[in-house]
Amino acid sequence: MGVVLVDAGGTNIGSVRYALQRLGVEAALTSDAETIRTADKVILPGVGAAGPGMARLRELGLVDQIRSLTQPVLGVCLGMQLLCERSEEGDTTCLGVVPAIVRRFEDQPGRRVPHMGWNRVRPRREHPLLAGLGDDDWAYFVHSYAVPMGGYALASTDYGDEFASVIAQGNFHGMQFHPERSAKVGARLLKNFLEL
């Protein structure tokens, strides 16, 4: 199976790659449009801010390439947010394959931003990406911006407000948490993605 990690400058690429290796998959790290186009599965990891993340994809000439992919694509953390139409973070135009606007967590008494640490991921509808995920499974999050609930939401997480923590729109999928830091739950969901 040809799995590629899009080298968009994210700092979590090494840990995502290692998580895939633990599942027996060697993922190529690439920014080459043709390698990405011909891969069986494409993973867009990302840590950092939406503006620089999109700037890097534009600089590499990958925006239209990623939008036109037909194989399963997985956005992880910032990579998931970049799949959306726009992010409030720097008022950034994103890839636009998921009809959502990424919003910053509003300040609330007792709610720290960023949302950092373990939290429950609750399935909202059946999907092969969620196979084996139960109502009491937890994942590890680090983010200040979130995708609101919508028809694309496969699973949700509550952090003062409910937000979409796993999404799917056609062949595009996303996980807001870090599967590579989410123990058995993260490994299971990565394995599910590889089996799509």
C-alpha atoms as a PDB file:
ATOM      1  CA  MET A   1       0.000   0.000   0.000  1.00  0.00           C
ATOM      2  CA  GLY A   2       1.365   3.422  -0.930  1.00  0.00           C
ATOM      3  CA  VAL A   3       0.788   5.819   1.974  1.00  0.00           C
ATOM      4  CA  VAL A   4       2.211   9.333   1.838  1.00  0.00           C
ATOM      5  CA  LEU A   5       2.562  12.045   4.440  1.00  0.00           C
ATOM      6  CA  VAL A   6       2.318  15.491   2.887  1.00  0.00           C
ATOM      7  CA  ASP A   7       5.399  17.434   3.974  1.00  0.00           C
ATOM      8  CA  ALA A   8       3.653  20.709   4.775  1.00  0.00           C
ATOM      9  CA  GLY A   9       6.118  21.654   7.490  1.00  0.00           C
ATOM     10  CA  GLY A  10       4.164  20.271  10.454  1.00  0.00           C
ATOM     11  CA  THR A  11       6.190  19.456  13.539  1.00  0.00           C
ATOM     12  CA  ASN A  12       4.271  16.228  14.272  1.00  0.00           C
ATOM     13  CA  ILE A  13       5.236  14.482  11.034  1.00  0.00           C
ATOM     14  CA  GLY A  14       7.873  12.295  12.677  1.00  0.00           C
ATOM     15  CA  SER A  15       5.513  11.060  15.388  1.00  0.00           C
ATOM     16  CA  VAL A  16       2.727  10.321  12.867  1.00  0.00           C
ATOM     17  CA  ARG A  17       5.229   8.428  10.738  1.00  0.00           C
ATOM     18  CA  TYR A  18       6.350   6.407  13.757  1.00  0.00           C
ATOM     19  CA  ALA A  19       2.714   5.601  14.653  1.00  0.00           C
ATOM     20  CA  LEU A  20       2.246   4.242  11.116  1.00  0.00           C
ATOM     21  CA  GLN A  21       5.454   2.212  11.410  1.00  0.00           C
ATOM     22  CA  ARG A  22       4.036   0.590  14.560  1.00  0.00           C
ATOM     23  CA  LEU A  23       1.122  -0.510  12.339  1.00  0.00           C
ATOM     24  CA  GLY A  24       3.574  -1.998   9.826  1.00  0.00           C
ATOM     25  CA  VAL A  25       3.281   0.823   7.268  1.00  0.00           C
ATOM     26  CA  GLU A  26       6.212   2.807   5.877  1.00  0.00           C
ATOM     27  CA  ALA A  27       4.814   6.168   4.782  1.00  0.00           C
ATOM     28  CA  ALA A  28       6.808   8.297   2.372  1.00  0.00           C
ATOM     29  CA  LEU A  29       7.264  11.933   3.399  1.00  0.00           C
ATOM     30  CA  THR A  30       6.816  14.048   0.281  1.00  0.00           C
ATOM     31  CA  SER A  31       5.837  17.390  -1.171  1.00  0.00           C
ATOM     32  CA  ASP A  32       5.923  16.031  -4.742  1.00  0.00           C
ATOM     33  CA  ALA A  33       2.534  16.511  -6.432  1.00  0.00           C
ATOM     34  CA  GLU A  34       2.813  13.389  -8.620  1.00  0.00           C
ATOM     35  CA  THR A  35       3.764  11.138  -5.680  1.00  0.00           C
ATOM     36  CA  ILE A  36       0.776  12.486  -3.745  1.00  0.00           C
ATOM     37  CA  ARG A  37      -1.582  12.077  -6.728  1.00  0.00           C
ATOM     38  CA  THR A  38      -0.659   8.412  -7.247  1.00  0.00           C
ATOM     39  CA  ALA A  39      -0.629   7.326  -3.575  1.00  0.00           C
ATOM     40  CA  ASP A  40      -3.232   4.892  -2.234  1.00  0.00           C
ATOM     41  CA  LYS A  41      -3.737   6.963   0.925  1.00  0.00           C
ATOM     42  CA  VAL A  42      -2.738  10.548   1.727  1.00  0.00           C
ATOM     43  CA  ILE A  43      -2.224  11.968   5.227  1.00  0.00           C
ATOM     44  CA  LEU A  44      -2.007  15.722   5.817  1.00  0.00           C
ATOM     45  CA  PRO A  45      -0.517  16.209   9.288  1.00  0.00           C
ATOM     46  CA  GLY A  46      -0.037  19.601  10.840  1.00  0.00           C
ATOM     47  CA  VAL A  47       0.846  21.486  13.987  1.00  0.00           C
ATOM     48  CA  GLY A  48       0.899  25.243  14.164  1.00  0.00           C
ATOM     49  CA  ALA A  49      -1.237  27.972  12.640  1.00  0.00           C
ATOM     50  CA  ALA A  50      -3.612  27.901   9.663  1.00  0.00           C
ATOM     51  CA  GLY A  51      -2.009  30.845   7.832  1.00  0.00           C
ATOM     52  CA  PRO A  52       1.527  29.427   7.621  1.00  0.00           C
ATOM     53  CA  GLY A  53       0.115  25.937   6.926  1.00  0.00           C
ATOM     54  CA  MET A  54      -1.836  27.150   3.885  1.00  0.00           C
ATOM     55  CA  ALA A  55       1.044  29.391   2.786  1.00  0.00           C
ATOM     56  CA  ARG A  56       3.299  26.332   2.725  1.00  0.00           C
ATOM     57  CA  LEU A  57       0.796  24.330   0.626  1.00  0.00           C
ATOM     58  CA  ARG A  58       0.497  27.252  -1.822  1.00  0.00           C
ATOM     59  CA  GLU A  59       4.283  27.626  -1.980  1.00  0.00           C
ATOM     60  CA  LEU A  60       4.585  23.919  -2.851  1.00  0.00           C
ATOM     61  CA  GLY A  61       1.822  24.192  -5.487  1.00  0.00           C
ATOM     62  CA  LEU A  62      -0.257  21.569  -3.662  1.00  0.00           C
ATOM     63  CA  VAL A  63      -3.569  23.365  -3.011  1.00  0.00           C
ATOM     64  CA  ASP A  64      -5.351  22.318  -6.219  1.00  0.00           C
ATOM     65  CA  GLN A  65      -3.584  18.950  -6.127  1.00  0.00           C
ATOM     66  CA  ILE A  66      -4.993  18.107  -2.687  1.00  0.00           C
ATOM     67  CA  ARG A  67      -8.472  19.429  -3.556  1.00  0.00           C
ATOM     68  CA  SER A  68      -8.611  17.122  -6.589  1.00  0.00           C
ATOM     69  CA  LEU A  69      -7.583  13.897  -4.820  1.00  0.00           C
ATOM     70  CA  THR A  70     -10.024  10.988  -5.104  1.00  0.00           C
ATOM     71  CA  GLN A  71      -8.319   8.450  -2.820  1.00  0.00           C
ATOM     72  CA  PRO A  72      -8.844   8.479   0.983  1.00  0.00           C
ATOM     73  CA  VAL A  73      -7.269  11.575   2.559  1.00  0.00           C
ATOM     74  CA  LEU A  74      -6.794  12.126   6.302  1.00  0.00           C
ATOM     75  CA  GLY A  75      -6.153  15.516   7.889  1.00  0.00           C
ATOM     76  CA  VAL A  76      -4.662  15.320  11.385  1.00  0.00           C
ATOM     77  CA  CYS A  77      -4.958  18.182  13.916  1.00  0.00           C
ATOM     78  CA  LEU A  78      -4.238  21.365  11.919  1.00  0.00           C
ATOM     79  CA  GLY A  79      -4.423  19.174   8.791  1.00  0.00           C
ATOM     80  CA  MET A  80      -8.104  18.514   9.570  1.00  0.00           C
ATOM     81  CA  GLN A  81      -8.782  22.241   9.972  1.00  0.00           C
ATOM     82  CA  LEU A  82      -7.069  22.993   6.653  1.00  0.00           C
ATOM     83  CA  LEU A  83      -9.639  20.792   4.899  1.00  0.00           C
ATOM     84  CA  CYS A  84     -12.350  23.328   5.792  1.00  0.00           C
ATOM     85  CA  GLU A  85     -13.423  26.451   3.891  1.00  0.00           C
ATOM     86  CA  ARG A  86     -11.876  29.001   6.193  1.00  0.00           C
ATOM     87  CA  SER A  87     -10.292  29.421   9.615  1.00  0.00           C
ATOM     88  CA  GLU A  88     -10.800  32.343  11.976  1.00  0.00           C
ATOM     89  CA  GLU A  89      -7.119  31.913  12.798  1.00  0.00           C
ATOM     90  CA  GLY A  90      -5.630  34.761  10.776  1.00  0.00           C
ATOM     91  CA  ASP A  91      -8.841  34.828   8.671  1.00  0.00           C
ATOM     92  CA  THR A  92      -7.288  32.138   6.474  1.00  0.00           C
ATOM     93  CA  THR A  93      -8.837  30.691   3.314  1.00  0.00           C
ATOM     94  CA  CYS A  94      -8.308  26.932   3.526  1.00  0.00           C
ATOM     95  CA  LEU A  95      -8.711  23.998   1.103  1.00  0.00           C
ATOM     96  CA  GLY A  96     -12.511  24.191   1.055  1.00  0.00           C
ATOM     97  CA  VAL A  97     -13.329  20.479   0.737  1.00  0.00           C
ATOM     98  CA  VAL A  98     -15.346  20.427   3.989  1.00  0.00           C
ATOM     99  CA  PRO A  99     -18.169  23.013   4.302  1.00  0.00           C
ATOM    100  CA  ALA A 100     -17.157  24.459   7.660  1.00  0.00           C
ATOM    101  CA  ILE A 101     -15.543  27.524   9.189  1.00  0.00           C
ATOM    102  CA  VAL A 102     -12.988  26.742  11.898  1.00  0.00           C
ATOM    103  CA  ARG A 103     -13.669  28.865  14.991  1.00  0.00           C
ATOM    104  CA  ARG A 104     -11.630  29.781  18.058  1.00  0.00           C
ATOM    105  CA  PHE A 105     -12.853  28.509  21.401  1.00  0.00           C
ATOM    106  CA  GLU A 106     -14.611  31.418  23.081  1.00  0.00           C
ATOM    107  CA  ASP A 107     -13.381  32.449  26.496  1.00  0.00           C
ATOM    108  CA  GLN A 108     -15.562  30.897  29.200  1.00  0.00           C
ATOM    109  CA  PRO A 109     -15.114  30.753  32.962  1.00  0.00           C
ATOM    110  CA  GLY A 110     -13.220  27.578  33.818  1.00  0.00           C
ATOM    111  CA  ARG A 111     -12.311  26.758  30.189  1.00  0.00           C
ATOM    112  CA  ARG A 112      -8.645  27.093  29.310  1.00  0.00           C
ATOM    113  CA  VAL A 113      -7.588  27.753  25.753  1.00  0.00           C
ATOM    114  CA  PRO A 114      -5.872  25.880  24.223  1.00  0.00           C
ATOM    115  CA  HIS A 115      -7.830  22.699  24.855  1.00  0.00           C
ATOM    116  CA  MET A 116      -4.986  20.450  25.927  1.00  0.00           C
ATOM    117  CA  GLY A 117      -5.077  16.900  27.232  1.00  0.00           C
ATOM    118  CA  TRP A 118      -7.290  13.834  27.144  1.00  0.00           C
ATOM    119  CA  ASN A 119     -10.977  14.098  26.299  1.00  0.00           C
ATOM    120  CA  ARG A 120     -13.769  11.761  25.265  1.00  0.00           C
ATOM    121  CA  VAL A 121     -14.494  11.143  21.566  1.00  0.00           C
ATOM    122  CA  ARG A 122     -18.136  10.122  21.023  1.00  0.00           C
ATOM    123  CA  PRO A 123     -19.316   8.528  17.774  1.00  0.00           C
ATOM    124  CA  ARG A 124     -22.286  10.388  16.229  1.00  0.00           C
ATOM    125  CA  ARG A 125     -22.933   8.111  13.253  1.00  0.00           C
ATOM    126  CA  GLU A 126     -21.624   4.874  11.847  1.00  0.00           C
ATOM    127  CA  HIS A 127     -18.631   5.024   9.534  1.00  0.00           C
ATOM    128  CA  PRO A 128     -15.788   2.578   8.791  1.00  0.00           C
ATOM    129  CA  LEU A 129     -13.297   5.134  10.158  1.00  0.00           C
ATOM    130  CA  LEU A 130     -14.900   4.726  13.604  1.00  0.00           C
ATOM    131  CA  ALA A 131     -14.970   0.909  13.675  1.00  0.00           C
ATOM    132  CA  GLY A 132     -14.389  -0.238  17.243  1.00  0.00           C
ATOM    133  CA  LEU A 133     -14.738   3.258  18.778  1.00  0.00           C
ATOM    134  CA  GLY A 134     -17.031   3.314  21.811  1.00  0.00           C
ATOM    135  CA  ASP A 135     -18.772   6.049  23.814  1.00  0.00           C
ATOM    136  CA  ASP A 136     -16.079   5.959  26.477  1.00  0.00           C
ATOM    137  CA  ASP A 137     -12.946   6.220  24.339  1.00  0.00           C
ATOM    138  CA  TRP A 138     -10.524   9.084  24.904  1.00  0.00           C
ATOM    139  CA  ALA A 139      -7.960  10.851  22.722  1.00  0.00           C
ATOM    140  CA  TYR A 140      -5.265  13.477  23.223  1.00  0.00           C
ATOM    141  CA  PHE A 141      -5.965  17.043  22.033  1.00  0.00           C
ATOM    142  CA  VAL A 142      -3.936  20.255  21.697  1.00  0.00           C
ATOM    143  CA  HIS A 143      -5.809  23.055  19.869  1.00  0.00           C
ATOM    144  CA  SER A 144      -7.317  26.524  20.245  1.00  0.00           C
ATOM    145  CA  TYR A 145      -9.565  26.344  17.156  1.00  0.00           C
ATOM    146  CA  ALA A 146     -12.231  23.767  16.394  1.00  0.00           C
ATOM    147  CA  VAL A 147     -14.578  22.632  13.629  1.00  0.00           C
ATOM    148  CA  PRO A 148     -18.230  23.182  14.616  1.00  0.00           C
ATOM    149  CA  MET A 149     -20.756  20.367  14.434  1.00  0.00           C
ATOM    150  CA  GLY A 150     -22.300  19.726  11.011  1.00  0.00           C
ATOM    151  CA  GLY A 151     -23.360  16.964   8.647  1.00  0.00           C
ATOM    152  CA  TYR A 152     -19.688  16.017   8.150  1.00  0.00           C
ATOM    153  CA  ALA A 153     -19.231  15.206  11.885  1.00  0.00           C
ATOM    154  CA  LEU A 154     -18.583  11.516  12.592  1.00  0.00           C
ATOM    155  CA  ALA A 155     -17.662  12.007  16.242  1.00  0.00           C
ATOM    156  CA  SER A 156     -17.823  14.858  18.707  1.00  0.00           C
ATOM    157  CA  THR A 157     -16.036  16.048  21.806  1.00  0.00           C
ATOM    158  CA  ASP A 158     -17.311  18.347  24.544  1.00  0.00           C
ATOM    159  CA  TYR A 159     -15.133  21.186  25.783  1.00  0.00           C
ATOM    160  CA  GLY A 160     -17.710  23.584  27.152  1.00  0.00           C
ATOM    161  CA  ASP A 161     -19.285  23.340  23.700  1.00  0.00           C
ATOM    162  CA  GLU A 162     -19.546  20.323  21.444  1.00  0.00           C
ATOM    163  CA  PHE A 163     -17.254  20.315  18.421  1.00  0.00           C
ATOM    164  CA  ALA A 164     -16.528  17.861  15.599  1.00  0.00           C
ATOM    165  CA  SER A 165     -13.514  15.755  16.545  1.00  0.00           C
ATOM    166  CA  VAL A 166     -13.708  13.292  13.623  1.00  0.00           C
ATOM    167  CA  ILE A 167     -15.098  14.335  10.234  1.00  0.00           C
ATOM    168  CA  ALA A 168     -15.719  12.932   6.763  1.00  0.00           C
ATOM    169  CA  GLN A 169     -16.772  14.616   3.546  1.00  0.00           C
ATOM    170  CA  GLY A 170     -16.580  12.265   0.576  1.00  0.00           C
ATOM    171  CA  ASN A 171     -13.048  10.838   0.487  1.00  0.00           C
ATOM    172  CA  PHE A 172     -11.723  13.501   2.891  1.00  0.00           C
ATOM    173  CA  HIS A 173     -11.455  12.634   6.589  1.00  0.00           C
ATOM    174  CA  GLY A 174     -10.118  14.400   9.634  1.00  0.00           C
ATOM    175  CA  MET A 175      -9.156  13.844  13.269  1.00  0.00           C
ATOM    176  CA  GLN A 176      -8.759  16.903  15.491  1.00  0.00           C
ATOM    177  CA  PHE A 177      -6.824  14.994  18.149  1.00  0.00           C
ATOM    178  CA  HIS A 178      -3.355  13.501  17.785  1.00  0.00           C
ATOM    179  CA  PRO A 179      -3.850   9.815  16.939  1.00  0.00           C
ATOM    180  CA  GLU A 180      -0.113   9.257  17.338  1.00  0.00           C
ATOM    181  CA  ARG A 181      -0.411  10.354  20.998  1.00  0.00           C
ATOM    182  CA  SER A 182      -3.775   8.730  21.711  1.00  0.00           C
ATOM    183  CA  ALA A 183      -2.634   5.199  22.627  1.00  0.00           C
ATOM    184  CA  LYS A 184      -4.882   2.323  21.498  1.00  0.00           C
ATOM    185  CA  VAL A 185      -7.709   4.584  20.314  1.00  0.00           C
ATOM    186  CA  GLY A 186      -5.387   6.528  18.013  1.00  0.00           C
ATOM    187  CA  ALA A 187      -3.779   3.366  16.666  1.00  0.00           C
ATOM    188  CA  ARG A 188      -7.192   1.838  16.011  1.00  0.00           C
ATOM    189  CA  LEU A 189      -8.448   4.871  14.089  1.00  0.00           C
ATOM    190  CA  LEU A 190      -5.248   5.113  12.026  1.00  0.00           C
ATOM    191  CA  LYS A 191      -5.605   1.410  11.201  1.00  0.00           C
ATOM    192  CA  ASN A 192      -9.242   2.016  10.212  1.00  0.00           C
ATOM    193  CA  PHE A 193      -8.149   4.809   7.869  1.00  0.00           C
ATOM    194  CA  LEU A 194      -5.534   2.556   6.257  1.00  0.00           C
ATOM    195  CA  GLU A 195      -8.287  -0.018   5.631  1.00  0.00           C
ATOM    196  CA  LEU A 196     -10.721   2.408   3.945  1.00  0.00           C
END
